[in-house]
Amino acid sequence: MTPLRVVQVGAGGMGRAWLGTVAADPEVELVGIVDLDLDAARAGAETAGDPSIPVGTSLTALAAETGAEAVLDVTVPVAHHPITLEALHAGLPVLGEKPAAQTVAEALSLAAAAESTGVLFMVSQSRRYNDRLVAFRQHVRGLGDLGTLSTRFAKAPHFGGFREEMDDVLLLDMAIHPFDSARYVLERDPVSVYCESYNPSWSWYRGDAAAAAVFTFEDDIRYVYDGSWCAPGAETSWNGDWRASGAAGTALWDGDHDPSSDLDGTPGSPAAADGVGEEIAGALSSFVRALRTGATPDGEVHGNIMSLAMVEAAIASTRSGQRVVIDEVLDRAHAEALAAERDDAARERLAAWGSVRNALTAAVPATG
């Protein structure tokens, strides 16, 4: 089968990781690299193993020149909205790095644009692409009525650069991964959250690098997140340490190894589920498969917005000191998106939505 011809936008640190992944995937052909820094784009071509790959500063121009069929958006979050809009209006499907956009309002605008253009926009929520996470969900399914899911996350990375200057760095840059995984494991969506974020005295981050949050999910299930990015010693995996409790027992996953469950003294042995691949390589394969089959992939923008809404609601809670209802966050974002929207077709789509939650969930099929 002929490889999918893609242009990648963004050739920075994460961009280089994507370039290596694309080069290793026979189903994809990199035909161009876009970056405002042409030297970075040329260095990206070297990373991809072919210095002759065309580079440029304009997505539309380079896509037309190269006959690209899709776009990989690996830019910084502030650029996600304009880059994705440009691609969708050019008829080019987009696989973009998380988050979908800087804000829920911008993400709603992109969901409306995807509807109005009929072009796929998928967010690479890469840590959902983990076969051990899939296996953990299988164990959780065997617990009967669920009560609690929790994630403990403790790492101490010294990134340098923009992360160490961000506000709400843990919630904005990292917590969206476990929040999204919690939705996947529970197979339900969040209702509300109470969150406190803070910055320990020894933290090397300017913004809050630690947070504790309690989410209420549908069916009155609680999801508890306790995380820190300045926790040296006895660190967890990058996926965190997970525990689920239900009427029939408990399931555990350390984020790195195979999960397990204890059904009141009997080891759980759930049926195996199909593999999903690993991280960005898995996301890329899912994107290609969706374009070839018409299936809706995990990470399609409508479904992914709820994970971003969890982040925005957690930040709103830590600012106000109050429990925050997710639907109120969605409704405010919807009003902001309508007020800011400049594209008539997308505005018409936004205006036609009744309940934002219903508009988002109606576009996404049930997971297997």
Protein backbone atom coordinates (compact mmCIF):
# COMPACT_ATOMS: atom_id res chain seq x y z
CA MET A 1 0.00 0.00 0.00
CA THR A 2 1.28 3.48 -0.86
CA PRO A 3 2.55 5.32 2.26
CA LEU A 4 0.60 8.32 3.53
CA ARG A 5 2.40 11.51 2.47
CA VAL A 6 2.75 13.84 5.47
CA VAL A 7 4.19 17.26 6.23
CA GLN A 8 5.39 17.82 9.78
CA VAL A 9 5.07 21.25 11.38
CA GLY A 10 7.60 21.79 14.17
CA ALA A 11 11.16 20.50 14.33
CA GLY A 12 12.10 21.28 17.93
CA GLY A 13 12.77 18.76 20.71
CA MET A 14 9.48 16.88 20.46
CA GLY A 15 9.53 17.39 16.71
CA ARG A 16 12.77 15.42 16.48
CA ALA A 17 11.15 12.52 18.36
CA TRP A 18 8.30 12.53 15.86
CA LEU A 19 10.69 12.70 12.91
CA GLY A 20 12.42 9.55 14.13
CA THR A 21 9.08 7.79 14.58
CA VAL A 22 7.88 8.79 11.12
CA ALA A 23 11.12 7.61 9.55
CA ALA A 24 10.65 4.19 11.19
CA ASP A 25 7.04 3.74 10.01
CA PRO A 26 6.72 2.25 6.51
CA GLU A 27 3.08 3.37 6.29
CA VAL A 28 4.12 7.03 6.30
CA GLU A 29 6.34 9.11 4.02
CA LEU A 30 7.67 12.45 5.26
CA VAL A 31 7.52 14.83 2.30
CA GLY A 32 8.16 18.16 4.01
CA ILE A 33 9.08 19.93 7.25
CA VAL A 34 7.66 23.33 8.25
CA ASP A 35 9.28 25.50 10.89
CA LEU A 36 9.71 29.24 11.35
CA ASP A 37 13.38 28.44 11.91
CA LEU A 38 14.59 27.02 8.59
CA ASP A 39 17.84 25.86 10.17
CA ALA A 40 15.81 23.76 12.60
CA ALA A 41 13.78 22.39 9.69
CA ARG A 42 16.95 21.44 7.81
CA ALA A 43 18.36 19.80 10.93
CA GLY A 44 15.06 17.91 11.17
CA ALA A 45 15.54 16.59 7.65
CA GLU A 46 18.95 15.30 8.74
CA THR A 47 17.31 13.64 11.76
CA ALA A 48 14.78 12.02 9.43
CA GLY A 49 17.66 10.58 7.42
CA ASP A 50 17.14 12.56 4.21
CA PRO A 51 18.65 16.07 3.96
CA SER A 52 16.83 16.55 0.63
CA ILE A 53 13.38 16.64 2.27
CA PRO A 54 11.81 20.00 1.33
CA VAL A 55 11.51 22.57 4.10
CA GLY A 56 9.64 25.85 4.42
CA THR A 57 7.93 28.33 6.71
CA SER A 58 4.42 28.07 5.16
CA LEU A 59 2.32 24.95 5.74
CA THR A 60 -0.11 25.67 2.91
CA ALA A 61 2.63 26.36 0.38
CA LEU A 62 4.79 23.36 1.28
CA ALA A 63 1.81 20.99 1.42
CA ALA A 64 0.73 22.07 -2.07
CA GLU A 65 4.28 21.82 -3.40
CA THR A 66 4.83 18.31 -2.04
CA GLY A 67 1.38 16.78 -2.57
CA ALA A 68 0.98 16.14 1.15
CA GLU A 69 -2.08 14.15 2.27
CA ALA A 70 -1.94 14.91 6.01
CA VAL A 71 -0.24 17.08 8.63
CA LEU A 72 1.60 16.28 11.85
CA ASP A 73 1.41 19.29 14.19
CA VAL A 74 4.27 19.17 16.70
CA THR A 75 4.31 22.89 17.52
CA VAL A 76 3.99 24.58 20.93
CA PRO A 77 0.41 24.74 22.32
CA VAL A 78 -0.10 28.41 21.40
CA ALA A 79 0.28 27.46 17.71
CA HIS A 80 -2.07 24.47 17.72
CA HIS A 81 -5.22 26.44 16.92
CA PRO A 82 -3.92 28.42 13.91
CA ILE A 83 -1.92 25.51 12.45
CA THR A 84 -4.79 23.04 12.75
CA LEU A 85 -7.27 25.50 11.27
CA GLU A 86 -4.96 26.16 8.33
CA ALA A 87 -4.62 22.44 7.65
CA LEU A 88 -8.33 21.60 8.04
CA HIS A 89 -9.34 24.40 5.66
CA ALA A 90 -6.80 23.06 3.17
CA GLY A 91 -8.54 19.68 3.38
CA LEU A 92 -5.61 18.06 5.22
CA PRO A 93 -6.27 15.71 8.17
CA VAL A 94 -4.26 16.58 11.28
CA LEU A 95 -2.55 14.50 13.95
CA GLY A 96 -1.51 17.01 16.61
CA GLU A 97 0.49 16.86 19.81
CA LYS A 98 -1.47 17.32 23.04
CA PRO A 99 -3.16 19.47 24.14
CA ALA A 100 -5.68 19.98 21.35
CA ALA A 101 -5.28 23.73 21.90
CA GLN A 102 -4.25 26.21 24.58
CA THR A 103 -7.77 26.37 26.01
CA VAL A 104 -11.00 24.43 25.92
CA ALA A 105 -12.57 27.32 23.99
CA GLU A 106 -9.96 27.02 21.23
CA ALA A 107 -10.37 23.25 21.22
CA LEU A 108 -14.14 23.62 20.76
CA SER A 109 -13.43 25.91 17.80
CA LEU A 110 -11.27 23.17 16.28
CA ALA A 111 -13.94 20.53 16.86
CA ALA A 112 -16.44 22.77 15.06
CA ALA A 113 -13.96 23.30 12.21
CA ALA A 114 -13.46 19.54 11.91
CA GLU A 115 -17.24 19.15 11.66
CA SER A 116 -17.71 21.93 9.11
CA THR A 117 -14.84 20.78 6.87
CA GLY A 118 -15.46 17.06 7.32
CA VAL A 119 -11.71 16.57 7.92
CA LEU A 120 -10.22 14.46 10.73
CA PHE A 121 -8.42 16.14 13.62
CA MET A 122 -6.88 13.64 16.05
CA VAL A 123 -4.90 14.54 19.16
CA SER A 124 -1.91 12.35 19.99
CA GLN A 125 -2.65 11.59 23.63
CA SER A 126 0.33 9.30 23.40
CA ARG A 127 0.32 7.70 26.85
CA ARG A 128 -3.05 6.14 26.12
CA TYR A 129 -1.18 4.05 23.55
CA ASN A 130 0.23 1.53 26.00
CA ASP A 131 -0.65 -2.17 25.94
CA ARG A 132 -0.20 -2.42 29.72
CA LEU A 133 -2.76 0.36 30.21
CA VAL A 134 -5.13 -1.64 28.00
CA ALA A 135 -4.48 -4.70 30.18
CA PHE A 136 -5.08 -2.65 33.34
CA ARG A 137 -8.50 -1.63 32.00
CA GLN A 138 -9.27 -5.31 31.42
CA HIS A 139 -8.47 -6.02 35.08
CA VAL A 140 -10.60 -3.05 36.20
CA ARG A 141 -13.53 -4.38 34.17
CA GLY A 142 -13.45 -7.48 36.39
CA LEU A 143 -13.90 -5.54 39.64
CA GLY A 144 -17.68 -5.15 39.44
CA ASP A 145 -19.16 -1.87 40.64
CA LEU A 146 -16.32 0.63 40.89
CA GLY A 147 -15.69 3.00 43.77
CA THR A 148 -12.27 4.58 43.38
CA LEU A 149 -9.43 4.95 40.90
CA SER A 150 -6.23 6.68 41.96
CA THR A 151 -2.92 7.76 40.46
CA ARG A 152 0.19 8.63 42.42
CA PHE A 153 2.81 10.42 40.30
CA ALA A 154 6.24 11.47 41.59
CA LYS A 155 9.12 12.55 39.35
CA ALA A 156 11.88 15.16 39.58
CA PRO A 157 12.90 16.16 36.05
CA HIS A 158 15.10 19.21 35.42
CA PHE A 159 13.87 20.22 31.98
CA GLY A 160 15.22 23.72 31.76
CA GLY A 161 13.53 26.01 29.25
CA PHE A 162 9.88 26.98 29.04
CA ARG A 163 8.45 24.35 31.40
CA GLU A 164 10.31 25.74 34.38
CA GLU A 165 8.71 29.14 33.73
CA MET A 166 5.14 27.94 33.17
CA ASP A 167 2.17 28.61 35.43
CA ASP A 168 0.50 25.41 36.64
CA VAL A 169 3.25 23.38 35.00
CA LEU A 170 2.23 19.97 36.37
CA LEU A 171 -1.47 20.32 35.62
CA LEU A 172 -0.99 21.90 32.20
CA ASP A 173 1.90 19.89 30.83
CA MET A 174 1.68 16.46 32.47
CA ALA A 175 -1.57 15.79 34.33
CA ILE A 176 -3.60 15.66 31.12
CA HIS A 177 -2.02 12.24 30.46
CA PRO A 178 -3.33 10.49 33.60
CA PHE A 179 -6.59 12.44 33.40
CA ASP A 180 -7.12 11.10 29.88
CA SER A 181 -6.07 7.60 30.94
CA ALA A 182 -8.55 7.72 33.84
CA ARG A 183 -11.37 8.39 31.37
CA TYR A 184 -10.16 5.45 29.30
CA VAL A 185 -9.89 3.05 32.26
CA LEU A 186 -13.21 4.04 33.85
CA GLU A 187 -15.03 4.26 30.49
CA ARG A 188 -16.88 7.24 31.90
CA ASP A 189 -16.51 11.02 31.90
CA PRO A 190 -15.88 13.48 34.75
CA VAL A 191 -18.60 15.49 36.48
CA SER A 192 -16.69 17.76 38.89
CA VAL A 193 -13.35 18.33 40.62
CA TYR A 194 -11.83 19.81 43.74
CA CYS A 195 -8.12 20.52 43.35
CA GLU A 196 -5.27 22.17 45.25
CA SER A 197 -1.96 22.91 43.54
CA TYR A 198 1.15 24.19 45.24
CA ASN A 199 4.90 24.63 44.86
CA PRO A 200 7.18 23.07 47.49
CA SER A 201 9.86 25.36 48.89
CA TRP A 202 12.66 23.45 47.12
CA SER A 203 10.96 23.44 43.71
CA TRP A 204 13.01 24.63 40.73
CA TYR A 205 9.80 25.54 38.84
CA ARG A 206 8.30 29.02 38.91
CA GLY A 207 4.72 27.75 38.75
CA ASP A 208 3.01 25.10 40.87
CA ALA A 209 4.77 21.76 40.34
CA ALA A 210 2.54 19.67 42.62
CA ALA A 211 -1.20 19.07 42.84
CA ALA A 212 -3.83 16.92 44.51
CA ALA A 213 -7.26 16.53 42.90
CA VAL A 214 -10.43 14.57 43.54
CA PHE A 215 -12.69 14.13 40.51
CA THR A 216 -16.23 12.82 40.67
CA PHE A 217 -17.01 10.73 37.60
CA GLU A 218 -20.30 9.43 36.27
CA ASP A 219 -21.89 6.75 38.49
CA ASP A 220 -20.42 8.56 41.53
CA ILE A 221 -16.95 7.05 41.04
CA ARG A 222 -14.03 9.02 42.49
CA TYR A 223 -10.73 9.53 40.69
CA VAL A 224 -7.92 10.77 42.95
CA TYR A 225 -4.73 12.29 41.51
CA ASP A 226 -1.70 13.05 43.67
CA GLY A 227 1.23 14.33 41.61
CA SER A 228 4.54 16.16 41.84
CA TRP A 229 7.26 17.13 39.39
CA CYS A 230 9.72 18.00 42.17
CA ALA A 231 9.74 14.73 44.13
CA PRO A 232 13.31 13.39 44.15
CA GLY A 233 13.83 9.86 45.44
CA ALA A 234 11.69 6.73 45.13
CA GLU A 235 10.13 8.08 41.94
CA THR A 236 7.17 6.45 40.23
CA SER A 237 7.14 5.54 36.56
CA TRP A 238 6.28 8.27 34.05
CA ASN A 239 2.81 6.70 33.85
CA GLY A 240 2.35 6.90 37.62
CA ASP A 241 1.24 4.24 40.08
CA TRP A 242 -2.42 3.17 39.74
CA ARG A 243 -4.99 1.48 42.00
CA ALA A 244 -8.65 0.73 41.30
CA SER A 245 -11.12 -0.53 43.90
CA GLY A 246 -14.46 -2.20 43.18
CA ALA A 247 -17.04 -4.45 44.79
CA ALA A 248 -15.18 -7.60 43.73
CA GLY A 249 -11.59 -6.57 44.49
CA THR A 250 -8.65 -4.35 43.58
CA ALA A 251 -6.50 -3.83 40.48
CA LEU A 252 -2.94 -2.49 40.55
CA TRP A 253 -0.53 -1.13 37.93
CA ASP A 254 2.87 0.43 38.55
CA GLY A 255 2.87 2.13 35.14
CA ASP A 256 5.78 0.07 33.78
CA HIS A 257 5.05 -3.62 34.24
CA ASP A 258 2.07 -5.92 33.76
CA PRO A 259 -0.95 -5.03 35.92
CA SER A 260 -2.65 -7.41 38.34
CA SER A 261 -5.87 -7.76 40.28
CA ASP A 262 -6.93 -9.45 43.50
CA LEU A 263 -10.55 -10.62 43.53
CA ASP A 264 -10.92 -11.11 47.29
CA GLY A 265 -7.99 -13.50 47.43
CA THR A 266 -8.13 -14.88 43.88
CA PRO A 267 -5.80 -13.45 41.21
CA GLY A 268 -7.72 -11.85 38.37
CA SER A 269 -7.19 -13.30 34.89
CA PRO A 270 -9.13 -11.15 32.43
CA ALA A 271 -9.28 -11.88 28.72
CA ALA A 272 -6.50 -10.30 26.69
CA ALA A 273 -7.36 -7.26 24.57
CA ASP A 274 -5.94 -6.21 21.23
CA GLY A 275 -2.69 -4.25 21.43
CA VAL A 276 -2.59 -0.55 20.57
CA GLY A 277 1.13 0.05 20.07
CA GLU A 278 3.38 2.29 22.10
CA GLU A 279 3.07 6.04 22.59
CA ILE A 280 3.57 8.28 19.55
CA ALA A 281 4.21 5.31 17.25
CA GLY A 282 0.87 3.85 18.31
CA ALA A 283 -0.87 7.18 17.82
CA LEU A 284 0.61 7.54 14.34
CA SER A 285 -0.50 4.03 13.34
CA SER A 286 -4.00 4.74 14.66
CA PHE A 287 -4.16 7.97 12.63
CA VAL A 288 -3.14 6.21 9.41
CA ARG A 289 -5.60 3.38 10.06
CA ALA A 290 -8.42 5.87 10.67
CA LEU A 291 -7.74 7.64 7.38
CA ARG A 292 -7.71 4.35 5.49
CA THR A 293 -10.78 2.79 7.12
CA GLY A 294 -12.92 5.76 8.15
CA ALA A 295 -12.93 4.54 11.78
CA THR A 296 -12.95 7.13 14.57
CA PRO A 297 -9.63 6.89 16.44
CA ASP A 298 -8.94 7.35 20.14
CA GLY A 299 -7.93 10.98 20.43
CA GLU A 300 -10.42 12.33 17.87
CA VAL A 301 -10.83 15.94 18.95
CA HIS A 302 -14.41 15.72 20.24
CA GLY A 303 -13.53 12.96 22.69
CA ASN A 304 -10.20 14.43 23.66
CA ILE A 305 -11.64 17.80 24.69
CA MET A 306 -13.06 16.29 27.89
CA SER A 307 -9.50 15.48 29.05
CA LEU A 308 -8.46 19.09 28.46
CA ALA A 309 -11.60 20.22 30.31
CA MET A 310 -10.43 18.20 33.32
CA VAL A 311 -7.19 20.21 33.34
CA GLU A 312 -8.97 23.54 32.97
CA ALA A 313 -11.47 22.63 35.70
CA ALA A 314 -8.67 21.55 38.07
CA ILE A 315 -6.88 24.86 37.56
CA ALA A 316 -10.13 26.77 38.09
CA SER A 317 -10.66 24.87 41.34
CA THR A 318 -7.20 25.59 42.68
CA ARG A 319 -7.70 29.29 41.83
CA SER A 320 -11.11 29.55 43.49
CA GLY A 321 -10.70 27.09 46.33
CA GLN A 322 -14.07 25.62 45.32
CA ARG A 323 -15.39 22.46 43.71
CA VAL A 324 -15.81 23.08 39.97
CA VAL A 325 -18.46 21.44 37.79
CA ILE A 326 -17.10 20.28 34.43
CA ASP A 327 -20.25 21.29 32.51
CA GLU A 328 -19.83 24.86 33.75
CA VAL A 329 -16.29 24.89 32.32
CA LEU A 330 -17.61 23.55 29.02
CA ASP A 331 -20.44 26.10 28.89
CA ARG A 332 -18.08 29.04 29.57
CA ALA A 333 -15.68 27.77 26.94
CA HIS A 334 -18.53 27.39 24.46
CA ALA A 335 -19.59 31.01 25.00
CA GLU A 336 -15.97 32.15 24.55
CA ALA A 337 -15.59 30.08 21.40
CA LEU A 338 -18.78 31.51 19.89
CA ALA A 339 -17.72 35.07 20.68
CA ALA A 340 -14.25 34.58 19.18
CA GLU A 341 -15.13 32.46 16.12
CA ARG A 342 -14.46 34.18 12.80
CA ASP A 343 -15.36 31.34 10.45
CA ASP A 344 -19.06 31.36 9.55
CA ALA A 345 -19.35 27.60 9.04
CA ALA A 346 -17.64 26.78 12.34
CA ARG A 347 -19.73 29.38 14.18
CA GLU A 348 -22.88 27.80 12.75
CA ARG A 349 -21.76 24.42 14.06
CA LEU A 350 -21.00 25.83 17.50
CA ALA A 351 -24.34 27.61 17.66
CA ALA A 352 -26.19 24.41 16.76
CA TRP A 353 -24.82 22.55 19.76
CA GLY A 354 -27.21 22.23 22.68
CA SER A 355 -25.45 20.61 25.60
CA VAL A 356 -21.71 20.83 24.94
CA ARG A 357 -21.19 17.50 26.69
CA ASN A 358 -23.75 15.85 24.43
CA ALA A 359 -22.21 17.43 21.33
CA LEU A 360 -18.81 16.05 22.27
CA THR A 361 -19.89 12.55 23.24
CA ALA A 362 -22.29 12.12 20.32
CA ALA A 363 -19.36 12.43 17.89
CA VAL A 364 -17.38 9.59 19.48
CA PRO A 365 -18.34 5.89 19.30
CA ALA A 366 -18.18 3.74 22.43
CA THR A 367 -14.77 2.20 23.08
CA GLY A 368 -14.23 -1.53 22.75
